[in-house]
Amino acid sequence: MVGQLARDIVLVVGAMPETGTAADVTERREMLGGKGANQAVAVAQLGMPVSLVAVVGDDFISDQLLAQAISDGIDVRPVVRRRGAPTGLIVEVLEADGHWRYLQHLPPPVLLTAADVEASADLLRTAAAVMIQLQQPAAGVEAALRYARQGNALVVVDGVADPETIAQADVVRADENEAAQLGDIDRILASGPRLVAFGTENGNRFAWPGGTLELPLTGGPATDTTGGGDSFVAALTVALLHGDTPPQAARKAVDASGSTVRHPGGRPALR
């Protein structure tokens, strides 16, 4: 997994306060977070070995987060510790009706560089799958794609990038907003990927050579949608590695997402 690792704080409130006023927090959660870490946790929960290529600072928070990641079954040896940098922080304010807002501090020093990824080149060349979070800087993404393509990895990308980057992936996942930026799903499929999964207003649309599938959301009303996509990507990847067909993998991905959005915060709960 190539992506973000951060400290995740979730604050649940009845409603956002007006300017100059306060609101009581009804629930507070602090956990290992960031899209990369969340996807790695989900992969581990689904029983697959997983390594995380990410960056943390050299503060005491990084020690706690890495210890949690190890406890979750993640290989953190590829994680880079950046001297003098604070570990990334994501604060989610979640309203009772499910609406959320992010406050995040992810400064450049805790984002992946090409050199950071190069340090894990052998790992990426020999991996069965390489999941890449496209919200990372382009140089890091390009390096991850390059080393993954030097092996036989299933390359899974999550997010938005230029057409050349998307065309190098085997699997492309985008949420509803990202899908609108990427454009027509059939055009994306024709450019090279063998499975494309786009979020829609009421569910997900999947396309692969010779087939399409529309699946509604599962799991009932969502408490917090922030982590659904990460569990989706992890479950889709694991299912494909197990040899599932696109329709089988699609259903497992949707079910994993549905189980994750039932609780506050983006941490998966797949076991």
Protein backbone atom coordinates (compact mmCIF):
# COMPACT_ATOMS: atom_id res chain seq x y z
CA MET A 1 0.00 0.00 0.00
CA VAL A 2 1.40 3.38 -1.04
CA GLY A 3 -0.31 6.32 0.65
CA GLN A 4 -0.92 8.51 3.67
CA LEU A 5 -0.47 7.64 7.33
CA ALA A 6 -1.79 10.15 9.85
CA ARG A 7 -3.22 10.64 13.30
CA ASP A 8 -7.00 10.60 12.97
CA ILE A 9 -9.23 12.39 15.49
CA VAL A 10 -13.01 12.12 15.13
CA LEU A 11 -15.25 14.54 17.02
CA VAL A 12 -18.99 13.85 16.96
CA VAL A 13 -21.31 16.82 17.54
CA GLY A 14 -25.06 17.27 17.33
CA ALA A 15 -24.58 20.10 14.85
CA MET A 16 -21.82 22.50 13.85
CA PRO A 17 -21.80 25.59 16.06
CA GLU A 18 -22.37 29.06 14.68
CA THR A 19 -19.39 31.40 14.44
CA GLY A 20 -18.38 32.58 17.89
CA THR A 21 -20.22 29.79 19.70
CA ALA A 22 -19.35 26.32 20.98
CA ALA A 23 -20.76 22.82 20.66
CA ASP A 24 -20.39 19.87 23.00
CA VAL A 25 -18.59 16.85 21.61
CA THR A 26 -20.71 13.75 22.25
CA GLU A 27 -18.09 11.23 21.16
CA ARG A 28 -14.35 11.38 20.53
CA ARG A 29 -12.14 8.82 18.82
CA GLU A 30 -8.40 8.91 18.21
CA MET A 31 -6.85 6.31 15.94
CA LEU A 32 -4.43 5.38 13.21
CA GLY A 33 -5.69 7.04 10.03
CA GLY A 34 -4.94 8.37 6.60
CA LYS A 35 -6.16 6.68 3.42
CA GLY A 36 -3.06 4.56 3.03
CA ALA A 37 -3.17 3.28 6.59
CA ASN A 38 -6.92 2.67 6.47
CA GLN A 39 -6.60 0.59 3.32
CA ALA A 40 -3.69 -1.34 4.81
CA VAL A 41 -5.71 -2.07 7.96
CA ALA A 42 -8.57 -3.35 5.83
CA VAL A 43 -6.28 -5.63 3.81
CA ALA A 44 -4.84 -7.07 7.03
CA GLN A 45 -8.33 -7.60 8.45
CA LEU A 46 -9.19 -9.55 5.30
CA GLY A 47 -6.30 -11.91 5.98
CA MET A 48 -3.69 -10.73 3.48
CA PRO A 49 -0.14 -9.69 4.37
CA VAL A 50 0.36 -5.99 3.72
CA SER A 51 3.19 -3.46 3.83
CA LEU A 52 2.71 0.30 4.03
CA VAL A 53 4.87 2.79 2.16
CA ALA A 54 4.20 6.13 3.84
CA VAL A 55 5.83 8.99 5.76
CA VAL A 56 5.57 10.00 9.41
CA GLY A 57 7.37 12.62 11.45
CA ASP A 58 9.87 12.00 14.21
CA ASP A 59 7.49 12.94 17.04
CA PHE A 60 6.04 10.76 19.79
CA ILE A 61 2.74 10.46 17.91
CA SER A 62 4.52 8.57 15.15
CA ASP A 63 5.69 5.99 17.69
CA GLN A 64 2.11 5.42 18.83
CA LEU A 65 0.73 5.18 15.30
CA LEU A 66 3.41 2.77 14.11
CA ALA A 67 2.83 0.60 17.18
CA GLN A 68 -0.88 0.52 16.35
CA ALA A 69 -0.13 -0.37 12.73
CA ILE A 70 2.09 -3.25 13.84
CA SER A 71 -0.66 -4.43 16.18
CA ASP A 72 -3.04 -4.33 13.20
CA GLY A 73 -0.76 -6.69 11.29
CA ILE A 74 0.86 -4.14 8.97
CA ASP A 75 4.52 -4.30 7.97
CA VAL A 76 5.74 -0.76 8.69
CA ARG A 77 9.39 -1.26 7.78
CA PRO A 78 8.91 0.75 4.55
CA VAL A 79 7.52 3.76 6.45
CA VAL A 80 9.88 6.74 6.26
CA ARG A 81 10.46 8.80 9.42
CA ARG A 82 11.11 12.41 8.40
CA ARG A 83 13.41 14.25 10.76
CA GLY A 84 12.01 17.53 12.06
CA ALA A 85 8.53 16.96 10.64
CA PRO A 86 5.26 16.59 12.54
CA THR A 87 3.23 13.50 11.75
CA GLY A 88 0.15 14.22 9.64
CA LEU A 89 -3.08 15.08 11.45
CA ILE A 90 -6.66 14.71 10.26
CA VAL A 91 -9.51 16.02 12.42
CA GLU A 92 -13.00 15.02 11.36
CA VAL A 93 -16.00 16.88 12.76
CA LEU A 94 -19.00 14.61 12.30
CA GLU A 95 -22.55 15.87 12.76
CA ALA A 96 -25.33 13.63 14.03
CA ASP A 97 -26.95 13.63 10.59
CA GLY A 98 -23.82 12.15 8.99
CA HIS A 99 -22.45 15.33 7.44
CA TRP A 100 -18.73 15.74 8.06
CA ARG A 101 -15.90 18.23 7.65
CA TYR A 102 -12.17 17.62 7.61
CA LEU A 103 -9.46 19.79 9.11
CA GLN A 104 -6.15 18.34 8.02
CA HIS A 105 -2.50 19.16 8.49
CA LEU A 106 -0.56 17.16 5.90
CA PRO A 107 2.47 19.35 5.16
CA PRO A 108 4.85 18.48 2.30
CA PRO A 109 7.41 16.76 4.56
CA VAL A 110 4.93 13.96 5.37
CA LEU A 111 3.98 13.34 1.74
CA LEU A 112 5.76 10.73 -0.34
CA THR A 113 8.65 11.72 -2.59
CA ALA A 114 10.11 9.69 -5.42
CA ALA A 115 13.10 8.94 -3.19
CA ASP A 116 10.84 7.61 -0.44
CA VAL A 117 9.21 5.23 -2.88
CA GLU A 118 12.54 4.24 -4.43
CA ALA A 119 13.66 3.01 -1.02
CA SER A 120 10.90 0.38 -1.30
CA ALA A 121 11.51 -0.45 -4.97
CA ASP A 122 12.29 -4.13 -4.34
CA LEU A 123 9.13 -4.51 -2.26
CA LEU A 124 6.99 -3.02 -5.02
CA ARG A 125 8.64 -5.12 -7.73
CA THR A 126 7.83 -8.35 -5.88
CA ALA A 127 4.37 -7.50 -4.52
CA ALA A 128 1.27 -9.41 -5.63
CA ALA A 129 -0.62 -6.11 -5.68
CA VAL A 130 0.31 -2.46 -5.31
CA MET A 131 -2.43 -0.10 -4.15
CA ILE A 132 -1.62 3.55 -4.81
CA GLN A 133 -3.37 6.55 -3.27
CA LEU A 134 -3.42 9.19 -6.00
CA GLN A 135 -3.73 12.06 -3.51
CA GLN A 136 0.03 11.75 -2.98
CA PRO A 137 2.41 13.97 -5.02
CA ALA A 138 2.76 13.00 -8.67
CA ALA A 139 6.47 12.15 -8.38
CA GLY A 140 5.79 9.57 -5.68
CA VAL A 141 2.85 8.11 -7.60
CA GLU A 142 4.91 7.85 -10.79
CA ALA A 143 7.71 6.08 -8.95
CA ALA A 144 5.29 3.60 -7.38
CA LEU A 145 3.76 2.83 -10.78
CA ARG A 146 7.17 2.39 -12.35
CA TYR A 147 8.42 -0.13 -9.79
CA ALA A 148 5.10 -1.98 -9.64
CA ARG A 149 5.16 -2.36 -13.41
CA GLN A 150 8.66 -3.85 -13.24
CA GLY A 151 7.09 -6.85 -11.52
CA ASN A 152 3.80 -8.68 -11.96
CA ALA A 153 1.72 -6.73 -9.46
CA LEU A 154 -1.97 -6.04 -9.77
CA VAL A 155 -1.85 -2.22 -9.83
CA VAL A 156 -4.80 -0.53 -8.13
CA VAL A 157 -5.16 3.26 -8.10
CA ASP A 158 -7.64 5.24 -6.02
CA GLY A 159 -8.51 8.83 -6.90
CA VAL A 160 -7.87 11.24 -9.76
CA ALA A 161 -4.83 11.58 -12.01
CA ASP A 162 -3.90 12.39 -15.59
CA PRO A 163 -4.92 9.94 -18.34
CA GLU A 164 -1.38 8.59 -18.71
CA THR A 165 -1.28 7.60 -15.03
CA ILE A 166 -4.75 6.07 -15.09
CA ALA A 167 -3.88 4.03 -18.18
CA GLN A 168 -1.05 2.28 -16.32
CA ALA A 169 -3.39 0.81 -13.70
CA ASP A 170 -5.14 -2.55 -13.77
CA VAL A 171 -7.92 -1.34 -11.47
CA VAL A 172 -9.21 2.22 -11.12
CA ARG A 173 -11.43 3.33 -8.24
CA ALA A 174 -12.97 6.81 -7.94
CA ASP A 175 -15.74 8.12 -5.72
CA GLU A 176 -18.63 10.08 -7.18
CA ASN A 177 -16.84 13.44 -7.20
CA GLU A 178 -13.60 11.98 -8.53
CA ALA A 179 -15.46 10.02 -11.21
CA ALA A 180 -16.94 13.27 -12.51
CA GLN A 181 -13.40 14.59 -12.99
CA LEU A 182 -12.15 11.43 -14.72
CA GLY A 183 -15.00 11.37 -17.23
CA ASP A 184 -16.63 8.53 -19.12
CA ILE A 185 -16.12 5.11 -17.54
CA ASP A 186 -15.99 3.34 -20.91
CA ARG A 187 -13.27 5.69 -22.14
CA ILE A 188 -11.24 4.99 -19.00
CA LEU A 189 -11.65 1.25 -19.52
CA ALA A 190 -10.59 1.50 -23.17
CA SER A 191 -7.35 3.26 -22.15
CA GLY A 192 -5.93 0.17 -20.47
CA PRO A 193 -7.37 -0.78 -17.06
CA ARG A 194 -9.20 -4.10 -16.80
CA LEU A 195 -11.64 -3.02 -14.11
CA VAL A 196 -13.05 0.42 -13.34
CA ALA A 197 -15.23 1.16 -10.31
CA PHE A 198 -16.98 4.53 -10.09
CA GLY A 199 -19.08 5.78 -7.23
CA THR A 200 -22.53 7.07 -8.22
CA GLU A 201 -25.26 8.96 -6.40
CA ASN A 202 -26.93 5.77 -5.22
CA GLY A 203 -24.21 3.14 -5.38
CA ASN A 204 -21.36 2.01 -7.60
CA ARG A 205 -20.88 1.25 -11.27
CA PHE A 206 -18.34 -1.32 -12.42
CA ALA A 207 -17.02 -1.89 -15.94
CA TRP A 208 -14.63 -4.47 -17.34
CA PRO A 209 -14.01 -5.82 -20.84
CA GLY A 210 -17.26 -7.46 -21.82
CA GLY A 211 -19.35 -6.45 -18.84
CA THR A 212 -20.85 -3.81 -16.56
CA LEU A 213 -22.60 -3.94 -13.20
CA GLU A 214 -24.54 -1.42 -11.10
CA LEU A 215 -24.76 -2.14 -7.37
CA PRO A 216 -26.67 -0.13 -4.76
CA LEU A 217 -25.19 0.87 -1.43
CA THR A 218 -25.56 -1.71 1.34
CA GLY A 219 -25.63 -1.66 5.13
CA GLY A 220 -28.54 0.70 5.69
CA PRO A 221 -28.23 4.37 6.72
CA ALA A 222 -24.63 5.53 7.00
CA THR A 223 -23.28 7.00 10.23
CA ASP A 224 -20.06 8.28 8.62
CA THR A 225 -19.08 7.77 4.98
CA THR A 226 -15.42 8.80 5.30
CA GLY A 227 -13.90 5.31 5.42
CA GLY A 228 -16.21 3.49 3.06
CA GLY A 229 -14.03 3.99 0.01
CA ASP A 230 -10.90 2.68 1.72
CA SER A 231 -12.59 -0.57 2.75
CA PHE A 232 -14.05 -0.79 -0.76
CA VAL A 233 -10.63 -0.61 -2.42
CA ALA A 234 -9.09 -3.10 -0.01
CA ALA A 235 -11.86 -5.66 -0.39
CA LEU A 236 -11.89 -5.29 -4.17
CA THR A 237 -8.14 -5.85 -4.35
CA VAL A 238 -8.12 -8.85 -2.01
CA ALA A 239 -11.01 -10.48 -3.88
CA LEU A 240 -9.26 -10.09 -7.23
CA LEU A 241 -6.07 -11.57 -5.79
CA HIS A 242 -8.11 -14.56 -4.65
CA GLY A 243 -9.27 -15.06 -8.23
CA ASP A 244 -12.79 -13.68 -7.94
CA THR A 245 -14.55 -12.54 -11.10
CA PRO A 246 -15.28 -8.81 -11.43
CA PRO A 247 -18.93 -9.25 -10.32
CA GLN A 248 -17.89 -11.31 -7.30
CA ALA A 249 -15.18 -8.84 -6.32
CA ALA A 250 -17.57 -5.92 -6.83
CA ARG A 251 -20.12 -7.34 -4.40
CA LYS A 252 -17.48 -7.95 -1.75
CA ALA A 253 -16.21 -4.39 -2.15
CA VAL A 254 -19.67 -2.90 -1.74
CA ASP A 255 -20.37 -5.06 1.32
CA ALA A 256 -17.07 -4.04 2.94
CA SER A 257 -17.85 -0.38 2.36
CA GLY A 258 -21.33 -0.81 3.82
CA SER A 259 -19.96 -2.33 7.01
CA THR A 260 -17.43 0.47 7.52
CA VAL A 261 -19.82 3.42 7.25
CA ARG A 262 -21.87 2.25 10.24
CA HIS A 263 -19.54 3.80 12.82
CA PRO A 264 -17.78 7.16 13.27
CA GLY A 265 -14.33 7.44 11.72
CA GLY A 266 -12.66 5.86 8.74
CA ARG A 267 -11.12 2.85 10.47
CA PRO A 268 -12.32 -0.39 8.84
CA ALA A 269 -14.07 -3.10 10.85
CA LEU A 270 -14.04 -6.08 8.51
CA ARG A 271 -13.53 -8.83 11.09
